[in-house]
Amino acid sequence: MDINQVYLDSSKKMFLYYKTIAEKAMDQLEPEQLFVTNTEDSNSIAIIVKHIWGNMLSRWTDFLTTDGEKPTRDRDAEFENNWTTKEELLLKWNEAWSCLFGALESLEPDQLTQIIYIRNEGHTVIEAINRQLAHYPYHVGQIVYSAKLLKKSSWDSLSIPKNNSNNYNNEKFSKEKEIKNFTTDELERLK
């Protein structure tokens, strides 16, 4: 078993998990709620998505050969809302994730120690992946929290529902041990 391939597969799984969590949160909202800010200083879900989109396209486009902070990126503009529809938001969301997954799919396991640059700072590919595995879930948490505040009491839990841990654990431990692999649907979503 090649540990580098295990790492790549695990990374893809984690990115897909957080993408899915954010989508499940956004799916619970009315389209106009995606553009609501909870406070004057907070970002709407649309703005968070726009920032993730800008970051992903910058970091993952030609990431082995060009700096991860592209000269064409306007990070400050990512925090200004000029998207108006849920369809536009989801189109950009999927464009960004396709860029990320395409970059990861193009990697060979032996490239994980290659040095790439982000803002002129050298990182191994592993470090760059880890950096984004910390960054994107941070923003997914913001999306989920904002969606939950907007949805209020009719929120469908995205994890183990409150006061249901014992039932969940009993169900899990009543089954045989398993190693979770990509499902066919998950593999298809990565393409």
N, C-alpha and C. Protein backbone atom coordinates (compact mmCIF):
# COMPACT_ATOMS: atom_id res chain seq x y z
N MET A 1 0.84 -1.18 0.00
CA MET A 1 0.00 0.00 0.00
C MET A 1 0.89 1.25 0.00
N ASP A 2 0.69 2.10 -0.97
CA ASP A 2 1.46 3.33 -1.10
C ASP A 2 0.86 4.41 -0.21
N ILE A 3 1.61 4.83 0.79
CA ILE A 3 1.11 5.81 1.76
C ILE A 3 0.75 7.13 1.08
N ASN A 4 1.48 7.51 0.03
CA ASN A 4 1.16 8.74 -0.68
C ASN A 4 -0.20 8.65 -1.38
N GLN A 5 -0.49 7.48 -1.94
CA GLN A 5 -1.80 7.29 -2.58
C GLN A 5 -2.90 7.28 -1.53
N VAL A 6 -2.64 6.67 -0.39
CA VAL A 6 -3.61 6.67 0.71
C VAL A 6 -3.91 8.11 1.13
N TYR A 7 -2.86 8.92 1.24
CA TYR A 7 -3.04 10.32 1.62
C TYR A 7 -3.88 11.06 0.58
N LEU A 8 -3.57 10.88 -0.70
CA LEU A 8 -4.34 11.55 -1.76
C LEU A 8 -5.81 11.13 -1.72
N ASP A 9 -6.06 9.83 -1.59
CA ASP A 9 -7.45 9.35 -1.53
C ASP A 9 -8.17 9.91 -0.31
N SER A 10 -7.48 9.94 0.82
CA SER A 10 -8.07 10.48 2.04
C SER A 10 -8.38 11.97 1.89
N SER A 11 -7.47 12.71 1.27
CA SER A 11 -7.69 14.14 1.05
C SER A 11 -8.91 14.38 0.19
N LYS A 12 -9.02 13.64 -0.90
CA LYS A 12 -10.17 13.78 -1.79
C LYS A 12 -11.47 13.49 -1.04
N LYS A 13 -11.43 12.46 -0.21
CA LYS A 13 -12.61 12.10 0.57
C LYS A 13 -13.02 13.22 1.52
N MET A 14 -12.01 13.81 2.17
CA MET A 14 -12.30 14.90 3.12
C MET A 14 -12.84 16.13 2.41
N PHE A 15 -12.23 16.50 1.28
CA PHE A 15 -12.75 17.64 0.52
C PHE A 15 -14.19 17.38 0.09
N LEU A 16 -14.46 16.19 -0.42
CA LEU A 16 -15.81 15.85 -0.87
C LEU A 16 -16.79 15.90 0.30
N TYR A 17 -16.38 15.42 1.45
CA TYR A 17 -17.24 15.46 2.64
C TYR A 17 -17.65 16.90 2.97
N TYR A 18 -16.68 17.81 3.00
CA TYR A 18 -17.01 19.19 3.36
C TYR A 18 -17.81 19.89 2.27
N LYS A 19 -17.55 19.57 1.02
CA LYS A 19 -18.37 20.11 -0.07
C LYS A 19 -19.82 19.69 0.12
N THR A 20 -20.01 18.41 0.41
CA THR A 20 -21.36 17.85 0.59
C THR A 20 -22.07 18.47 1.79
N ILE A 21 -21.35 18.66 2.89
CA ILE A 21 -21.95 19.27 4.09
C ILE A 21 -22.45 20.68 3.77
N ALA A 22 -21.63 21.47 3.09
CA ALA A 22 -22.05 22.83 2.74
C ALA A 22 -23.27 22.80 1.82
N GLU A 23 -23.29 21.89 0.88
CA GLU A 23 -24.42 21.80 -0.04
C GLU A 23 -25.69 21.41 0.69
N LYS A 24 -25.58 20.49 1.64
CA LYS A 24 -26.76 20.09 2.41
C LYS A 24 -27.29 21.26 3.25
N ALA A 25 -26.39 22.07 3.74
CA ALA A 25 -26.82 23.26 4.50
C ALA A 25 -27.51 24.26 3.58
N MET A 26 -26.89 24.55 2.43
CA MET A 26 -27.46 25.52 1.50
C MET A 26 -28.80 25.05 0.93
N ASP A 27 -28.93 23.73 0.73
CA ASP A 27 -30.17 23.18 0.19
C ASP A 27 -31.37 23.40 1.11
N GLN A 28 -31.12 23.60 2.39
CA GLN A 28 -32.22 23.80 3.33
C GLN A 28 -32.78 25.23 3.29
N LEU A 29 -32.10 26.12 2.59
CA LEU A 29 -32.49 27.53 2.60
C LEU A 29 -33.29 27.91 1.36
N GLU A 30 -34.07 28.96 1.52
CA GLU A 30 -34.71 29.60 0.37
C GLU A 30 -33.61 30.34 -0.39
N PRO A 31 -33.70 30.45 -1.69
CA PRO A 31 -32.63 31.10 -2.46
C PRO A 31 -32.23 32.48 -1.93
N GLU A 32 -33.18 33.29 -1.54
CA GLU A 32 -32.85 34.64 -1.07
C GLU A 32 -32.08 34.62 0.25
N GLN A 33 -32.22 33.56 1.03
CA GLN A 33 -31.50 33.48 2.30
C GLN A 33 -29.99 33.35 2.11
N LEU A 34 -29.56 32.87 0.96
CA LEU A 34 -28.13 32.74 0.68
C LEU A 34 -27.42 34.09 0.64
N PHE A 35 -28.18 35.16 0.48
CA PHE A 35 -27.62 36.49 0.32
C PHE A 35 -27.82 37.37 1.57
N VAL A 36 -28.32 36.77 2.64
CA VAL A 36 -28.60 37.49 3.88
C VAL A 36 -27.37 37.50 4.77
N THR A 37 -27.07 38.67 5.36
CA THR A 37 -26.01 38.75 6.37
C THR A 37 -26.66 38.81 7.74
N ASN A 38 -26.06 38.11 8.70
CA ASN A 38 -26.63 38.07 10.06
C ASN A 38 -26.33 39.34 10.84
N THR A 39 -25.21 39.96 10.55
CA THR A 39 -24.86 41.24 11.18
C THR A 39 -24.20 42.11 10.12
N GLU A 40 -24.02 43.38 10.44
CA GLU A 40 -23.41 44.31 9.49
C GLU A 40 -21.99 43.89 9.10
N ASP A 41 -21.27 43.29 10.03
CA ASP A 41 -19.88 42.91 9.78
C ASP A 41 -19.70 41.47 9.31
N SER A 42 -20.79 40.73 9.16
CA SER A 42 -20.65 39.33 8.75
C SER A 42 -20.83 39.19 7.25
N ASN A 43 -20.48 38.03 6.75
CA ASN A 43 -20.61 37.73 5.33
C ASN A 43 -21.82 36.83 5.11
N SER A 44 -22.50 37.05 4.01
CA SER A 44 -23.58 36.15 3.62
C SER A 44 -22.97 34.83 3.15
N ILE A 45 -23.79 33.82 3.05
CA ILE A 45 -23.32 32.55 2.51
C ILE A 45 -22.80 32.75 1.09
N ALA A 46 -23.47 33.60 0.33
CA ALA A 46 -23.03 33.89 -1.05
C ALA A 46 -21.62 34.47 -1.07
N ILE A 47 -21.33 35.36 -0.14
CA ILE A 47 -19.98 35.95 -0.07
C ILE A 47 -18.95 34.89 0.32
N ILE A 48 -19.30 34.03 1.26
CA ILE A 48 -18.37 32.97 1.66
C ILE A 48 -18.09 32.05 0.47
N VAL A 49 -19.14 31.71 -0.26
CA VAL A 49 -18.97 30.87 -1.46
C VAL A 49 -18.10 31.59 -2.49
N LYS A 50 -18.32 32.89 -2.66
CA LYS A 50 -17.53 33.66 -3.63
C LYS A 50 -16.05 33.67 -3.22
N HIS A 51 -15.78 33.78 -1.94
CA HIS A 51 -14.39 33.74 -1.46
C HIS A 51 -13.77 32.36 -1.70
N ILE A 52 -14.51 31.30 -1.38
CA ILE A 52 -14.01 29.94 -1.62
C ILE A 52 -13.73 29.75 -3.11
N TRP A 53 -14.65 30.23 -3.95
CA TRP A 53 -14.49 30.14 -5.41
C TRP A 53 -13.20 30.84 -5.85
N GLY A 54 -13.00 32.07 -5.42
CA GLY A 54 -11.80 32.81 -5.80
C GLY A 54 -10.54 32.13 -5.32
N ASN A 55 -10.57 31.64 -4.09
CA ASN A 55 -9.41 30.97 -3.53
C ASN A 55 -9.10 29.69 -4.29
N MET A 56 -10.11 28.87 -4.52
CA MET A 56 -9.88 27.58 -5.20
C MET A 56 -9.34 27.78 -6.60
N LEU A 57 -9.93 28.69 -7.35
CA LEU A 57 -9.44 28.90 -8.72
C LEU A 57 -8.00 29.40 -8.71
N SER A 58 -7.68 30.25 -7.75
CA SER A 58 -6.31 30.77 -7.66
C SER A 58 -5.33 29.69 -7.22
N ARG A 59 -5.70 28.94 -6.21
CA ARG A 59 -4.78 27.95 -5.64
C ARG A 59 -4.57 26.74 -6.54
N TRP A 60 -5.62 26.28 -7.24
CA TRP A 60 -5.57 24.98 -7.89
C TRP A 60 -5.40 25.04 -9.40
N THR A 61 -5.52 26.19 -10.02
CA THR A 61 -5.27 26.31 -11.47
C THR A 61 -3.76 26.28 -11.70
N ASP A 62 -3.30 25.34 -12.47
CA ASP A 62 -1.87 25.21 -12.78
C ASP A 62 -1.01 25.29 -11.51
N PHE A 63 -1.47 24.62 -10.46
CA PHE A 63 -0.83 24.81 -9.15
C PHE A 63 0.58 24.25 -9.06
N LEU A 64 0.93 23.33 -9.92
CA LEU A 64 2.29 22.78 -9.87
C LEU A 64 3.30 23.69 -10.56
N THR A 65 2.82 24.60 -11.40
CA THR A 65 3.74 25.39 -12.22
C THR A 65 3.61 26.90 -12.02
N THR A 66 2.56 27.37 -11.37
CA THR A 66 2.40 28.81 -11.14
C THR A 66 2.08 29.07 -9.67
N ASP A 67 2.36 30.27 -9.21
CA ASP A 67 2.08 30.62 -7.83
C ASP A 67 0.58 30.48 -7.55
N GLY A 68 0.25 30.02 -6.37
CA GLY A 68 -1.14 29.83 -5.96
C GLY A 68 -1.91 31.11 -5.74
N GLU A 69 -1.24 32.22 -5.71
CA GLU A 69 -1.92 33.52 -5.64
C GLU A 69 -1.76 34.16 -7.01
N LYS A 70 -2.75 33.90 -7.88
CA LYS A 70 -2.67 34.35 -9.26
C LYS A 70 -2.80 35.87 -9.34
N PRO A 71 -2.08 36.51 -10.28
CA PRO A 71 -2.17 37.96 -10.45
C PRO A 71 -3.58 38.42 -10.84
N THR A 72 -4.37 37.52 -11.40
CA THR A 72 -5.74 37.86 -11.81
C THR A 72 -6.74 37.81 -10.66
N ARG A 73 -6.33 37.26 -9.52
CA ARG A 73 -7.25 37.16 -8.39
C ARG A 73 -7.43 38.53 -7.75
N ASP A 74 -8.68 38.87 -7.46
CA ASP A 74 -9.00 40.10 -6.73
C ASP A 74 -9.69 39.68 -5.44
N ARG A 75 -8.89 39.34 -4.44
CA ARG A 75 -9.42 38.81 -3.19
C ARG A 75 -10.40 39.77 -2.53
N ASP A 76 -10.10 41.06 -2.54
CA ASP A 76 -11.00 42.03 -1.91
C ASP A 76 -12.38 42.02 -2.56
N ALA A 77 -12.44 41.83 -3.87
CA ALA A 77 -13.72 41.79 -4.57
C ALA A 77 -14.54 40.56 -4.20
N GLU A 78 -13.88 39.53 -3.68
CA GLU A 78 -14.60 38.33 -3.27
C GLU A 78 -15.55 38.63 -2.11
N PHE A 79 -15.33 39.72 -1.42
CA PHE A 79 -16.16 40.07 -0.27
C PHE A 79 -17.18 41.15 -0.60
N GLU A 80 -17.39 41.36 -1.89
CA GLU A 80 -18.44 42.27 -2.37
C GLU A 80 -19.45 41.42 -3.12
N ASN A 81 -20.72 41.59 -2.79
CA ASN A 81 -21.73 40.74 -3.41
C ASN A 81 -22.21 41.32 -4.73
N ASN A 82 -21.90 40.61 -5.82
CA ASN A 82 -22.48 40.99 -7.10
C ASN A 82 -23.14 39.78 -7.77
N TRP A 83 -23.26 38.69 -7.04
CA TRP A 83 -24.03 37.55 -7.52
C TRP A 83 -25.46 37.75 -7.07
N THR A 84 -26.40 37.36 -7.90
CA THR A 84 -27.80 37.66 -7.57
C THR A 84 -28.71 36.44 -7.49
N THR A 85 -28.26 35.30 -8.00
CA THR A 85 -29.14 34.13 -8.00
C THR A 85 -28.45 32.91 -7.41
N LYS A 86 -29.26 32.01 -6.92
CA LYS A 86 -28.74 30.75 -6.40
C LYS A 86 -28.07 29.96 -7.52
N GLU A 87 -28.63 30.04 -8.72
CA GLU A 87 -28.07 29.31 -9.86
C GLU A 87 -26.65 29.78 -10.17
N GLU A 88 -26.44 31.09 -10.15
CA GLU A 88 -25.10 31.63 -10.40
C GLU A 88 -24.13 31.19 -9.30
N LEU A 89 -24.60 31.25 -8.06
CA LEU A 89 -23.78 30.84 -6.92
C LEU A 89 -23.37 29.37 -7.07
N LEU A 90 -24.32 28.50 -7.39
CA LEU A 90 -24.01 27.07 -7.51
C LEU A 90 -23.13 26.77 -8.72
N LEU A 91 -23.29 27.54 -9.77
CA LEU A 91 -22.42 27.37 -10.94
C LEU A 91 -20.97 27.66 -10.57
N LYS A 92 -20.74 28.76 -9.85
CA LYS A 92 -19.38 29.13 -9.41
C LYS A 92 -18.86 28.13 -8.39
N TRP A 93 -19.71 27.72 -7.47
CA TRP A 93 -19.36 26.72 -6.46
C TRP A 93 -18.84 25.46 -7.14
N ASN A 94 -19.58 24.94 -8.10
CA ASN A 94 -19.18 23.72 -8.78
C ASN A 94 -17.94 23.91 -9.66
N GLU A 95 -17.80 25.09 -10.25
CA GLU A 95 -16.60 25.40 -11.02
C GLU A 95 -15.36 25.32 -10.13
N ALA A 96 -15.46 25.87 -8.94
CA ALA A 96 -14.33 25.88 -8.01
C ALA A 96 -13.97 24.46 -7.57
N TRP A 97 -14.96 23.69 -7.18
CA TRP A 97 -14.69 22.33 -6.72
C TRP A 97 -14.17 21.45 -7.85
N SER A 98 -14.65 21.68 -9.07
CA SER A 98 -14.12 20.92 -10.22
C SER A 98 -12.65 21.23 -10.43
N CYS A 99 -12.28 22.48 -10.24
CA CYS A 99 -10.87 22.88 -10.36
C CYS A 99 -10.03 22.15 -9.31
N LEU A 100 -10.49 22.15 -8.08
CA LEU A 100 -9.78 21.46 -6.99
C LEU A 100 -9.65 19.97 -7.28
N PHE A 101 -10.78 19.31 -7.56
CA PHE A 101 -10.73 17.86 -7.78
C PHE A 101 -9.93 17.50 -9.03
N GLY A 102 -10.00 18.34 -10.05
CA GLY A 102 -9.20 18.10 -11.24
C GLY A 102 -7.71 18.14 -10.93
N ALA A 103 -7.32 19.12 -10.11
CA ALA A 103 -5.91 19.23 -9.71
C ALA A 103 -5.48 18.01 -8.90
N LEU A 104 -6.30 17.58 -7.97
CA LEU A 104 -5.96 16.42 -7.15
C LEU A 104 -5.90 15.15 -7.99
N GLU A 105 -6.83 15.02 -8.93
CA GLU A 105 -6.84 13.83 -9.80
C GLU A 105 -5.60 13.78 -10.69
N SER A 106 -5.04 14.94 -11.02
CA SER A 106 -3.87 14.98 -11.90
C SER A 106 -2.57 14.61 -11.18
N LEU A 107 -2.62 14.58 -9.87
CA LEU A 107 -1.41 14.32 -9.09
C LEU A 107 -1.02 12.86 -9.10
N GLU A 108 0.28 12.63 -9.18
CA GLU A 108 0.84 11.30 -8.97
C GLU A 108 1.35 11.26 -7.53
N PRO A 109 1.29 10.13 -6.88
CA PRO A 109 1.72 10.05 -5.48
C PRO A 109 3.13 10.59 -5.23
N ASP A 110 4.03 10.41 -6.18
CA ASP A 110 5.41 10.87 -5.95
C ASP A 110 5.57 12.39 -6.07
N GLN A 111 4.51 13.09 -6.42
CA GLN A 111 4.57 14.56 -6.53
C GLN A 111 4.25 15.26 -5.21
N LEU A 112 3.89 14.52 -4.19
CA LEU A 112 3.47 15.13 -2.93
C LEU A 112 4.57 15.92 -2.22
N THR A 113 5.81 15.60 -2.51
CA THR A 113 6.91 16.34 -1.87
C THR A 113 7.46 17.44 -2.77
N GLN A 114 6.89 17.59 -3.96
CA GLN A 114 7.30 18.67 -4.86
C GLN A 114 7.01 20.02 -4.22
N ILE A 115 7.87 20.98 -4.45
CA ILE A 115 7.68 22.33 -3.89
C ILE A 115 6.84 23.16 -4.87
N ILE A 116 5.80 23.76 -4.32
CA ILE A 116 4.99 24.73 -5.07
C ILE A 116 4.98 26.03 -4.26
N TYR A 117 4.46 27.09 -4.86
CA TYR A 117 4.51 28.39 -4.20
C TYR A 117 3.12 28.99 -4.04
N ILE A 118 2.90 29.58 -2.88
CA ILE A 118 1.71 30.36 -2.60
C ILE A 118 2.19 31.68 -2.03
N ARG A 119 1.91 32.76 -2.74
CA ARG A 119 2.41 34.08 -2.39
C ARG A 119 3.93 34.08 -2.21
N ASN A 120 4.57 33.37 -3.12
CA ASN A 120 6.04 33.31 -3.17
C ASN A 120 6.66 32.52 -2.02
N GLU A 121 5.86 31.81 -1.26
CA GLU A 121 6.34 30.96 -0.16
C GLU A 121 6.29 29.51 -0.60
N GLY A 122 7.41 28.81 -0.48
CA GLY A 122 7.46 27.41 -0.88
C GLY A 122 6.73 26.49 0.09
N HIS A 123 5.98 25.57 -0.46
CA HIS A 123 5.25 24.54 0.28
C HIS A 123 5.42 23.23 -0.47
N THR A 124 5.46 22.13 0.26
CA THR A 124 5.31 20.86 -0.44
C THR A 124 3.85 20.76 -0.87
N VAL A 125 3.57 19.91 -1.84
CA VAL A 125 2.18 19.70 -2.26
C VAL A 125 1.35 19.24 -1.06
N ILE A 126 1.93 18.37 -0.22
CA ILE A 126 1.21 17.93 0.99
C ILE A 126 0.84 19.13 1.86
N GLU A 127 1.78 20.03 2.08
CA GLU A 127 1.50 21.21 2.90
C GLU A 127 0.41 22.07 2.27
N ALA A 128 0.44 22.21 0.95
CA ALA A 128 -0.57 23.02 0.27
C ALA A 128 -1.95 22.38 0.41
N ILE A 129 -2.02 21.07 0.27
CA ILE A 129 -3.30 20.36 0.45
C ILE A 129 -3.78 20.54 1.89
N ASN A 130 -2.88 20.33 2.85
CA ASN A 130 -3.27 20.47 4.26
C ASN A 130 -3.74 21.89 4.57
N ARG A 131 -3.07 22.86 3.99
CA ARG A 131 -3.45 24.27 4.19
C ARG A 131 -4.91 24.47 3.77
N GLN A 132 -5.28 23.91 2.62
CA GLN A 132 -6.64 24.09 2.13
C GLN A 132 -7.63 23.18 2.86
N LEU A 133 -7.15 22.04 3.37
CA LEU A 133 -8.03 21.19 4.19
C LEU A 133 -8.35 21.84 5.53
N ALA A 134 -7.60 22.83 5.91
CA ALA A 134 -7.93 23.61 7.11
C ALA A 134 -8.78 24.82 6.72
N HIS A 135 -8.47 25.43 5.58
CA HIS A 135 -9.15 26.65 5.16
C HIS A 135 -10.61 26.41 4.75
N TYR A 136 -10.85 25.48 3.86
CA TYR A 136 -12.21 25.28 3.35
C TYR A 136 -13.18 24.79 4.42
N PRO A 137 -12.82 23.83 5.27
CA PRO A 137 -13.75 23.45 6.34
C PRO A 137 -14.07 24.60 7.31
N TYR A 138 -13.13 25.50 7.51
CA TYR A 138 -13.38 26.69 8.33
C TYR A 138 -14.56 27.46 7.74
N HIS A 139 -14.54 27.66 6.43
CA HIS A 139 -15.62 28.40 5.77
C HIS A 139 -16.89 27.56 5.65
N VAL A 140 -16.76 26.27 5.48
CA VAL A 140 -17.94 25.41 5.47
C VAL A 140 -18.65 25.51 6.82
N GLY A 141 -17.89 25.55 7.90
CA GLY A 141 -18.48 25.74 9.22
C GLY A 141 -19.27 27.04 9.29
N GLN A 142 -18.73 28.10 8.69
CA GLN A 142 -19.45 29.37 8.66
C GLN A 142 -20.75 29.24 7.86
N ILE A 143 -20.69 28.54 6.74
CA ILE A 143 -21.89 28.33 5.92
C ILE A 143 -22.95 27.58 6.72
N VAL A 144 -22.53 26.51 7.38
CA VAL A 144 -23.48 25.69 8.15
C VAL A 144 -24.06 26.51 9.30
N TYR A 145 -23.23 27.22 10.01
CA TYR A 145 -23.71 28.01 11.14
C TYR A 145 -24.68 29.09 10.68
N SER A 146 -24.34 29.79 9.60
CA SER A 146 -25.23 30.83 9.07
C SER A 146 -26.55 30.23 8.61
N ALA A 147 -26.48 29.10 7.92
CA ALA A 147 -27.70 28.45 7.44
C ALA A 147 -28.58 28.03 8.60
N LYS A 148 -27.96 27.50 9.64
CA LYS A 148 -28.72 27.06 10.81
C LYS A 148 -29.41 28.26 11.48
N LEU A 149 -28.72 29.38 11.59
CA LEU A 149 -29.33 30.59 12.16
C LEU A 149 -30.50 31.07 11.31
N LEU A 150 -30.33 31.02 10.01
CA LEU A 150 -31.39 31.48 9.11
C LEU A 150 -32.58 30.53 9.09
N LYS A 151 -32.33 29.27 9.22
CA LYS A 151 -33.39 28.25 9.14
C LYS A 151 -34.15 28.14 10.46
N LYS A 152 -33.50 28.45 11.54
CA LYS A 152 -34.08 28.41 12.89
C LYS A 152 -34.51 27.00 13.27
N SER A 153 -35.72 26.83 13.76
CA SER A 153 -36.12 25.56 14.37
C SER A 153 -36.39 24.45 13.37
N SER A 154 -36.52 24.76 12.11
CA SER A 154 -36.82 23.71 11.14
C SER A 154 -35.55 23.14 10.49
N TRP A 155 -34.44 23.27 11.15
CA TRP A 155 -33.15 22.79 10.66
C TRP A 155 -33.07 21.27 10.71
N ASP A 156 -32.62 20.68 9.61
CA ASP A 156 -32.35 19.23 9.58
C ASP A 156 -30.88 19.04 9.89
N SER A 157 -30.59 18.34 10.96
CA SER A 157 -29.21 18.15 11.40
C SER A 157 -28.35 17.52 10.31
N LEU A 158 -27.11 17.97 10.22
CA LEU A 158 -26.17 17.43 9.24
C LEU A 158 -25.22 16.41 9.87
N SER A 159 -25.36 16.21 11.15
CA SER A 159 -24.54 15.23 11.85
C SER A 159 -25.46 14.44 12.77
N ILE A 160 -24.95 13.97 13.86
CA ILE A 160 -25.78 13.23 14.81
C ILE A 160 -26.70 14.23 15.49
N PRO A 161 -28.02 14.06 15.35
CA PRO A 161 -28.94 15.02 15.98
C PRO A 161 -28.77 15.07 17.50
N LYS A 162 -29.05 16.23 18.04
CA LYS A 162 -28.95 16.44 19.48
C LYS A 162 -29.74 15.36 20.22
N ASN A 163 -29.17 14.85 21.30
CA ASN A 163 -29.78 13.82 22.16
C ASN A 163 -30.00 12.49 21.43
N ASN A 164 -29.21 12.21 20.41
CA ASN A 164 -29.36 10.96 19.67
C ASN A 164 -28.05 10.19 19.56
N SER A 165 -27.04 10.58 20.34
CA SER A 165 -25.72 9.94 20.25
C SER A 165 -25.78 8.46 20.61
N ASN A 166 -26.50 8.11 21.67
CA ASN A 166 -26.56 6.70 22.08
C ASN A 166 -27.19 5.84 20.99
N ASN A 167 -28.29 6.30 20.42
CA ASN A 167 -28.94 5.53 19.34
C ASN A 167 -28.00 5.38 18.15
N TYR A 168 -27.34 6.46 17.79
CA TYR A 168 -26.42 6.43 16.66
C TYR A 168 -25.28 5.43 16.92
N ASN A 169 -24.67 5.52 18.10
CA ASN A 169 -23.57 4.61 18.43
C ASN A 169 -24.04 3.16 18.50
N ASN A 170 -25.21 2.92 19.08
CA ASN A 170 -25.74 1.55 19.14
C ASN A 170 -25.91 0.97 17.75
N GLU A 171 -26.41 1.79 16.82
CA GLU A 171 -26.58 1.31 15.45
C GLU A 171 -25.23 1.01 14.80
N LYS A 172 -24.25 1.90 14.99
CA LYS A 172 -22.93 1.71 14.40
C LYS A 172 -22.24 0.46 14.94
N PHE A 173 -22.32 0.28 16.26
CA PHE A 173 -21.63 -0.85 16.88
C PHE A 173 -22.37 -2.17 16.70
N SER A 174 -23.60 -2.14 16.20
CA SER A 174 -24.33 -3.38 15.93
C SER A 174 -23.91 -3.99 14.59
N LYS A 175 -23.11 -3.27 13.82
CA LYS A 175 -22.68 -3.73 12.50
C LYS A 175 -21.23 -4.22 12.55
N GLU A 176 -20.86 -4.94 11.51
CA GLU A 176 -19.48 -5.38 11.36
C GLU A 176 -18.57 -4.18 11.12
N LYS A 177 -17.31 -4.29 11.52
CA LYS A 177 -16.34 -3.23 11.23
C LYS A 177 -16.17 -3.12 9.73
N GLU A 178 -15.94 -1.88 9.27
CA GLU A 178 -15.76 -1.66 7.84
C GLU A 178 -14.76 -0.55 7.60
N ILE A 179 -14.19 -0.55 6.43
CA ILE A 179 -13.34 0.54 5.99
C ILE A 179 -14.15 1.30 4.96
N LYS A 180 -14.34 2.58 5.22
CA LYS A 180 -15.17 3.38 4.32
C LYS A 180 -14.36 3.76 3.09
N ASN A 181 -14.87 3.36 1.93
CA ASN A 181 -14.26 3.69 0.65
C ASN A 181 -15.19 4.62 -0.10
N PHE A 182 -14.71 5.16 -1.20
CA PHE A 182 -15.55 5.98 -2.05
C PHE A 182 -16.69 5.14 -2.60
N THR A 183 -17.90 5.70 -2.60
CA THR A 183 -19.01 5.05 -3.27
C THR A 183 -18.92 5.41 -4.75
N THR A 184 -19.67 4.70 -5.57
CA THR A 184 -19.69 5.00 -7.00
C THR A 184 -20.15 6.43 -7.24
N ASP A 185 -21.17 6.88 -6.51
CA ASP A 185 -21.67 8.26 -6.65
C ASP A 185 -20.59 9.27 -6.28
N GLU A 186 -19.85 9.00 -5.20
CA GLU A 186 -18.79 9.92 -4.78
C GLU A 186 -17.70 10.01 -5.85
N LEU A 187 -17.32 8.86 -6.40
CA LEU A 187 -16.30 8.86 -7.46
C LEU A 187 -16.77 9.64 -8.68
N GLU A 188 -18.05 9.50 -9.00
CA GLU A 188 -18.61 10.20 -10.15
C GLU A 188 -18.60 11.71 -9.92
N ARG A 189 -18.86 12.14 -8.69
CA ARG A 189 -18.87 13.57 -8.37
C ARG A 189 -17.48 14.19 -8.48
N LEU A 190 -16.45 13.40 -8.32
CA LEU A 190 -15.09 13.91 -8.41
C LEU A 190 -14.67 14.18 -9.85
N LYS A 191 -15.37 13.61 -10.79
CA LYS A 191 -14.98 13.75 -12.22
C LYS A 191 -15.36 15.10 -12.77
